[in-house]
Amino acid sequence: MTVEDELNLLFRGSDNESISMAFTAHNTVWGITYAFDDEADEAHSLANGTSLKFTLKKKPDGSPTVLRVFFHFTNESGTGASYDERMTGSQGGSFDEVPAREQEGDLVPQNTYTFQV
């Protein structure tokens, strides 16, 4: 996995490469959900202390895999909560995002990660 555009969270990976994303919550109760491509918002919940692991697959039409991660905050708004993220690829490469997302009032902010295979 390589980082193509850090600002826009664009990555390139190989077919059948495993990606692992580990998150760390700061000053909030854990709450991360995620969805791939066209799944409904917040389709899956990520258990506290576990990594999000998935395998990249080359799509017949060549389109990228899009992962949306939703960061839920359970604390008083404005107390400085955040999540950090570390991504690694099974064929090499890593990406650290510190902070991946900071608290924005009562909103449920999301990051959109795009993987081209």
N, C-alpha and C. Protein backbone atom coordinates (compact mmCIF):
# COMPACT_ATOMS: atom_id res chain seq x y z
N MET A 1 0.85 -1.17 0.00
CA MET A 1 0.00 0.00 0.00
C MET A 1 0.89 1.24 0.00
N THR A 2 0.55 2.18 -0.83
CA THR A 2 1.27 3.44 -0.86
C THR A 2 0.28 4.59 -0.72
N VAL A 3 0.76 5.68 -0.19
CA VAL A 3 -0.05 6.89 -0.03
C VAL A 3 0.11 7.71 -1.31
N GLU A 4 -1.00 7.95 -2.01
CA GLU A 4 -0.95 8.76 -3.22
C GLU A 4 -1.24 10.23 -2.94
N ASP A 5 -2.16 10.48 -2.01
CA ASP A 5 -2.53 11.85 -1.66
C ASP A 5 -2.97 11.85 -0.20
N GLU A 6 -2.06 12.25 0.67
CA GLU A 6 -2.32 12.22 2.12
C GLU A 6 -3.48 13.13 2.51
N LEU A 7 -3.56 14.30 1.91
CA LEU A 7 -4.59 15.26 2.26
C LEU A 7 -5.99 14.74 1.92
N ASN A 8 -6.13 14.07 0.77
CA ASN A 8 -7.43 13.57 0.32
C ASN A 8 -7.64 12.09 0.63
N LEU A 9 -6.71 11.49 1.40
CA LEU A 9 -6.80 10.09 1.84
C LEU A 9 -6.96 9.14 0.66
N LEU A 10 -6.09 9.29 -0.34
CA LEU A 10 -6.06 8.42 -1.51
C LEU A 10 -4.87 7.47 -1.41
N PHE A 11 -5.13 6.17 -1.63
CA PHE A 11 -4.11 5.14 -1.47
C PHE A 11 -4.11 4.22 -2.68
N ARG A 12 -2.98 3.55 -2.91
CA ARG A 12 -2.89 2.53 -3.96
C ARG A 12 -2.43 1.25 -3.30
N GLY A 13 -3.13 0.16 -3.64
CA GLY A 13 -2.78 -1.14 -3.10
C GLY A 13 -2.80 -2.19 -4.18
N SER A 14 -2.37 -3.39 -3.83
CA SER A 14 -2.34 -4.52 -4.77
C SER A 14 -3.57 -5.39 -4.60
N ASP A 15 -3.92 -6.11 -5.66
CA ASP A 15 -5.03 -7.06 -5.59
C ASP A 15 -4.72 -8.11 -4.51
N ASN A 16 -5.68 -8.37 -3.66
CA ASN A 16 -5.58 -9.32 -2.54
C ASN A 16 -4.68 -8.85 -1.40
N GLU A 17 -4.32 -7.59 -1.37
CA GLU A 17 -3.53 -7.05 -0.25
C GLU A 17 -4.45 -6.81 0.93
N SER A 18 -4.00 -7.21 2.11
CA SER A 18 -4.75 -6.99 3.34
C SER A 18 -4.38 -5.65 3.93
N ILE A 19 -5.39 -4.91 4.35
CA ILE A 19 -5.20 -3.61 4.98
C ILE A 19 -5.71 -3.71 6.41
N SER A 20 -4.96 -3.15 7.34
CA SER A 20 -5.36 -3.12 8.75
C SER A 20 -5.33 -1.67 9.22
N MET A 21 -6.43 -1.26 9.85
CA MET A 21 -6.53 0.10 10.38
C MET A 21 -6.81 0.00 11.88
N ALA A 22 -5.92 0.57 12.68
CA ALA A 22 -6.08 0.58 14.14
C ALA A 22 -6.38 2.01 14.57
N PHE A 23 -7.36 2.15 15.46
CA PHE A 23 -7.78 3.46 15.94
C PHE A 23 -7.56 3.56 17.44
N THR A 24 -7.25 4.76 17.91
CA THR A 24 -7.09 5.03 19.33
C THR A 24 -7.97 6.22 19.68
N ALA A 25 -8.85 6.04 20.69
CA ALA A 25 -9.74 7.11 21.13
C ALA A 25 -9.08 7.90 22.26
N HIS A 26 -9.26 9.20 22.24
CA HIS A 26 -8.74 10.08 23.29
C HIS A 26 -9.89 10.93 23.84
N ASN A 27 -10.12 10.86 25.15
CA ASN A 27 -11.09 11.70 25.85
C ASN A 27 -12.53 11.48 25.37
N THR A 28 -12.86 10.26 24.95
CA THR A 28 -14.22 9.91 24.55
C THR A 28 -14.45 8.43 24.75
N VAL A 29 -15.69 8.04 24.91
CA VAL A 29 -16.05 6.64 24.91
C VAL A 29 -15.95 6.16 23.46
N TRP A 30 -15.45 4.96 23.26
CA TRP A 30 -15.24 4.39 21.92
C TRP A 30 -16.54 4.38 21.11
N GLY A 31 -16.43 4.72 19.84
CA GLY A 31 -17.58 4.66 18.95
C GLY A 31 -17.18 4.87 17.51
N ILE A 32 -16.83 3.79 16.82
CA ILE A 32 -16.47 3.88 15.40
C ILE A 32 -17.36 2.93 14.62
N THR A 33 -17.93 3.46 13.53
CA THR A 33 -18.69 2.65 12.59
C THR A 33 -18.11 2.90 11.20
N TYR A 34 -18.42 2.01 10.27
CA TYR A 34 -17.85 2.16 8.94
C TYR A 34 -18.74 1.52 7.89
N ALA A 35 -18.52 1.91 6.64
CA ALA A 35 -19.26 1.37 5.50
C ALA A 35 -18.36 1.39 4.27
N PHE A 36 -18.46 0.36 3.44
CA PHE A 36 -17.72 0.29 2.18
C PHE A 36 -18.61 0.68 1.01
N ASP A 37 -18.01 1.34 0.03
CA ASP A 37 -18.66 1.69 -1.23
C ASP A 37 -20.08 2.21 -1.03
N ASP A 38 -21.08 1.51 -1.51
CA ASP A 38 -22.45 2.03 -1.47
C ASP A 38 -23.29 1.47 -0.33
N GLU A 39 -22.65 0.92 0.71
CA GLU A 39 -23.42 0.43 1.85
C GLU A 39 -24.10 1.60 2.56
N ALA A 40 -25.14 1.29 3.29
CA ALA A 40 -25.84 2.32 4.08
C ALA A 40 -24.88 2.94 5.08
N ASP A 41 -25.13 4.21 5.43
CA ASP A 41 -24.28 4.89 6.42
C ASP A 41 -24.16 4.06 7.68
N GLU A 42 -22.95 4.04 8.19
CA GLU A 42 -22.65 3.40 9.47
C GLU A 42 -23.13 1.95 9.51
N ALA A 43 -22.83 1.21 8.45
CA ALA A 43 -23.34 -0.15 8.29
C ALA A 43 -22.75 -1.15 9.28
N HIS A 44 -21.53 -0.92 9.74
CA HIS A 44 -20.85 -1.88 10.61
C HIS A 44 -20.24 -1.16 11.82
N SER A 45 -20.27 -1.82 12.95
CA SER A 45 -19.68 -1.27 14.16
C SER A 45 -18.33 -1.93 14.40
N LEU A 46 -17.33 -1.16 14.81
CA LEU A 46 -16.01 -1.68 15.13
C LEU A 46 -15.87 -1.76 16.64
N ALA A 47 -15.65 -2.96 17.15
CA ALA A 47 -15.54 -3.16 18.59
C ALA A 47 -14.28 -2.48 19.15
N ASN A 48 -14.40 -1.98 20.35
CA ASN A 48 -13.30 -1.31 21.02
C ASN A 48 -12.09 -2.23 21.10
N GLY A 49 -10.93 -1.70 20.74
CA GLY A 49 -9.69 -2.45 20.84
C GLY A 49 -9.41 -3.37 19.66
N THR A 50 -10.29 -3.39 18.66
CA THR A 50 -10.04 -4.22 17.48
C THR A 50 -9.65 -3.35 16.31
N SER A 51 -8.96 -3.96 15.36
CA SER A 51 -8.58 -3.26 14.14
C SER A 51 -9.58 -3.57 13.04
N LEU A 52 -9.74 -2.64 12.14
CA LEU A 52 -10.55 -2.85 10.95
C LEU A 52 -9.64 -3.50 9.92
N LYS A 53 -9.98 -4.72 9.50
CA LYS A 53 -9.16 -5.45 8.54
C LYS A 53 -10.00 -5.83 7.34
N PHE A 54 -9.44 -5.62 6.15
CA PHE A 54 -10.14 -5.96 4.92
C PHE A 54 -9.12 -6.24 3.82
N THR A 55 -9.58 -6.90 2.76
CA THR A 55 -8.71 -7.26 1.65
C THR A 55 -9.14 -6.49 0.41
N LEU A 56 -8.18 -5.86 -0.25
CA LEU A 56 -8.46 -5.13 -1.48
C LEU A 56 -8.65 -6.11 -2.63
N LYS A 57 -9.64 -5.86 -3.45
CA LYS A 57 -9.93 -6.68 -4.62
C LYS A 57 -10.02 -5.77 -5.84
N LYS A 58 -9.39 -6.17 -6.91
CA LYS A 58 -9.50 -5.40 -8.15
C LYS A 58 -10.91 -5.59 -8.70
N LYS A 59 -11.61 -4.50 -8.94
CA LYS A 59 -12.98 -4.55 -9.46
C LYS A 59 -12.95 -4.66 -10.99
N PRO A 60 -13.90 -5.37 -11.56
CA PRO A 60 -13.93 -5.54 -13.02
C PRO A 60 -13.94 -4.21 -13.78
N ASP A 61 -14.61 -3.19 -13.22
CA ASP A 61 -14.68 -1.90 -13.91
C ASP A 61 -13.52 -0.96 -13.55
N GLY A 62 -12.62 -1.44 -12.68
CA GLY A 62 -11.45 -0.64 -12.31
C GLY A 62 -11.72 0.46 -11.30
N SER A 63 -12.93 0.54 -10.80
CA SER A 63 -13.27 1.60 -9.83
C SER A 63 -12.58 1.33 -8.48
N PRO A 64 -12.34 2.37 -7.72
CA PRO A 64 -11.66 2.21 -6.43
C PRO A 64 -12.61 1.66 -5.36
N THR A 65 -12.03 1.17 -4.29
CA THR A 65 -12.78 0.80 -3.10
C THR A 65 -12.84 2.04 -2.21
N VAL A 66 -14.04 2.39 -1.77
CA VAL A 66 -14.22 3.56 -0.93
C VAL A 66 -14.68 3.09 0.45
N LEU A 67 -13.99 3.54 1.47
CA LEU A 67 -14.30 3.21 2.86
C LEU A 67 -14.62 4.50 3.60
N ARG A 68 -15.82 4.54 4.21
CA ARG A 68 -16.19 5.69 5.03
C ARG A 68 -16.15 5.25 6.49
N VAL A 69 -15.41 6.00 7.30
CA VAL A 69 -15.30 5.73 8.73
C VAL A 69 -15.96 6.88 9.47
N PHE A 70 -16.91 6.53 10.37
CA PHE A 70 -17.66 7.51 11.15
C PHE A 70 -17.13 7.51 12.58
N PHE A 71 -16.83 8.68 13.09
CA PHE A 71 -16.24 8.83 14.43
C PHE A 71 -17.28 9.40 15.37
N HIS A 72 -17.74 8.59 16.31
CA HIS A 72 -18.75 9.00 17.28
C HIS A 72 -18.03 9.45 18.56
N PHE A 73 -18.54 10.52 19.14
CA PHE A 73 -17.96 11.06 20.37
C PHE A 73 -19.01 11.04 21.47
N THR A 74 -18.66 10.48 22.62
CA THR A 74 -19.55 10.45 23.77
C THR A 74 -18.82 11.13 24.93
N ASN A 75 -19.01 12.42 25.02
CA ASN A 75 -18.44 13.26 26.08
C ASN A 75 -19.06 14.65 25.91
N GLU A 76 -18.66 15.57 26.72
CA GLU A 76 -19.17 16.92 26.57
C GLU A 76 -18.51 17.59 25.37
N SER A 77 -19.31 18.20 24.53
CA SER A 77 -18.79 18.86 23.35
C SER A 77 -17.74 19.89 23.74
N GLY A 78 -16.68 19.94 22.96
CA GLY A 78 -15.64 20.93 23.19
C GLY A 78 -14.60 20.53 24.20
N THR A 79 -14.57 19.26 24.60
CA THR A 79 -13.58 18.83 25.59
C THR A 79 -12.31 18.28 24.96
N GLY A 80 -12.18 18.43 23.66
CA GLY A 80 -10.93 18.07 23.01
C GLY A 80 -10.77 16.60 22.68
N ALA A 81 -11.84 15.90 22.42
CA ALA A 81 -11.75 14.48 22.08
C ALA A 81 -11.23 14.30 20.66
N SER A 82 -10.60 13.14 20.43
CA SER A 82 -10.09 12.84 19.09
C SER A 82 -9.86 11.34 18.95
N TYR A 83 -9.63 10.93 17.71
CA TYR A 83 -9.22 9.56 17.38
C TYR A 83 -7.96 9.65 16.54
N ASP A 84 -7.01 8.76 16.79
CA ASP A 84 -5.83 8.61 15.95
C ASP A 84 -6.03 7.33 15.13
N GLU A 85 -5.31 7.24 14.01
CA GLU A 85 -5.43 6.07 13.15
C GLU A 85 -4.08 5.67 12.61
N ARG A 86 -3.82 4.37 12.55
CA ARG A 86 -2.60 3.82 11.92
C ARG A 86 -3.03 2.73 10.95
N MET A 87 -2.63 2.89 9.69
CA MET A 87 -2.97 1.94 8.64
C MET A 87 -1.71 1.25 8.16
N THR A 88 -1.78 -0.06 7.96
CA THR A 88 -0.66 -0.81 7.40
C THR A 88 -1.17 -1.75 6.32
N GLY A 89 -0.33 -1.99 5.33
CA GLY A 89 -0.65 -2.91 4.25
C GLY A 89 0.19 -4.17 4.38
N SER A 90 -0.38 -5.31 4.02
CA SER A 90 0.34 -6.59 4.16
C SER A 90 1.53 -6.68 3.21
N GLN A 91 1.55 -5.86 2.17
CA GLN A 91 2.66 -5.88 1.23
C GLN A 91 3.57 -4.67 1.42
N GLY A 92 3.52 -4.10 2.62
CA GLY A 92 4.35 -2.95 2.94
C GLY A 92 3.57 -1.66 2.94
N GLY A 93 4.17 -0.67 3.50
CA GLY A 93 3.55 0.64 3.55
C GLY A 93 2.73 0.85 4.80
N SER A 94 2.75 2.07 5.31
CA SER A 94 1.94 2.43 6.47
C SER A 94 1.57 3.90 6.37
N PHE A 95 0.56 4.27 7.15
CA PHE A 95 0.08 5.65 7.16
C PHE A 95 -0.43 5.94 8.56
N ASP A 96 0.09 7.01 9.16
CA ASP A 96 -0.35 7.46 10.48
C ASP A 96 -1.10 8.77 10.31
N GLU A 97 -2.27 8.82 10.89
CA GLU A 97 -3.10 10.03 10.84
C GLU A 97 -3.39 10.44 12.28
N VAL A 98 -2.68 11.49 12.74
CA VAL A 98 -2.79 11.94 14.13
C VAL A 98 -3.05 13.43 14.15
N PRO A 99 -4.23 13.86 14.54
CA PRO A 99 -5.40 13.02 14.78
C PRO A 99 -6.10 12.68 13.47
N ALA A 100 -6.72 11.52 13.43
CA ALA A 100 -7.51 11.15 12.26
C ALA A 100 -8.77 12.02 12.22
N ARG A 101 -9.32 12.26 13.40
CA ARG A 101 -10.53 13.09 13.47
C ARG A 101 -10.65 13.68 14.86
N GLU A 102 -10.97 14.98 14.90
CA GLU A 102 -11.22 15.66 16.17
C GLU A 102 -12.71 15.90 16.32
N GLN A 103 -13.15 16.05 17.56
CA GLN A 103 -14.55 16.29 17.86
C GLN A 103 -15.01 17.61 17.24
N GLU A 104 -16.21 17.59 16.67
CA GLU A 104 -16.78 18.78 16.02
C GLU A 104 -18.17 19.02 16.58
N GLY A 105 -18.27 19.40 17.83
CA GLY A 105 -19.57 19.63 18.44
C GLY A 105 -20.34 18.33 18.54
N ASP A 106 -21.62 18.35 18.15
CA ASP A 106 -22.47 17.16 18.22
C ASP A 106 -22.53 16.39 16.90
N LEU A 107 -21.72 16.77 15.93
CA LEU A 107 -21.72 16.09 14.64
C LEU A 107 -21.05 14.72 14.74
N VAL A 108 -21.36 13.85 13.80
CA VAL A 108 -20.66 12.57 13.65
C VAL A 108 -19.80 12.72 12.40
N PRO A 109 -18.57 13.19 12.58
CA PRO A 109 -17.71 13.41 11.41
C PRO A 109 -17.27 12.08 10.80
N GLN A 110 -16.91 12.15 9.53
CA GLN A 110 -16.44 10.95 8.85
C GLN A 110 -15.22 11.26 8.02
N ASN A 111 -14.39 10.24 7.81
CA ASN A 111 -13.29 10.30 6.86
C ASN A 111 -13.61 9.34 5.73
N THR A 112 -13.25 9.73 4.51
CA THR A 112 -13.45 8.87 3.36
C THR A 112 -12.08 8.48 2.81
N TYR A 113 -11.78 7.18 2.87
CA TYR A 113 -10.53 6.62 2.40
C TYR A 113 -10.79 5.94 1.05
N THR A 114 -9.98 6.26 0.04
CA THR A 114 -10.16 5.70 -1.30
C THR A 114 -8.94 4.87 -1.65
N PHE A 115 -9.16 3.62 -2.07
CA PHE A 115 -8.10 2.68 -2.40
C PHE A 115 -8.22 2.27 -3.86
N GLN A 116 -7.19 2.59 -4.66
CA GLN A 116 -7.16 2.16 -6.04
C GLN A 116 -6.30 0.91 -6.13
N VAL A 117 -6.84 -0.11 -6.80
CA VAL A 117 -6.11 -1.38 -6.96
C VAL A 117 -5.65 -1.49 -8.41
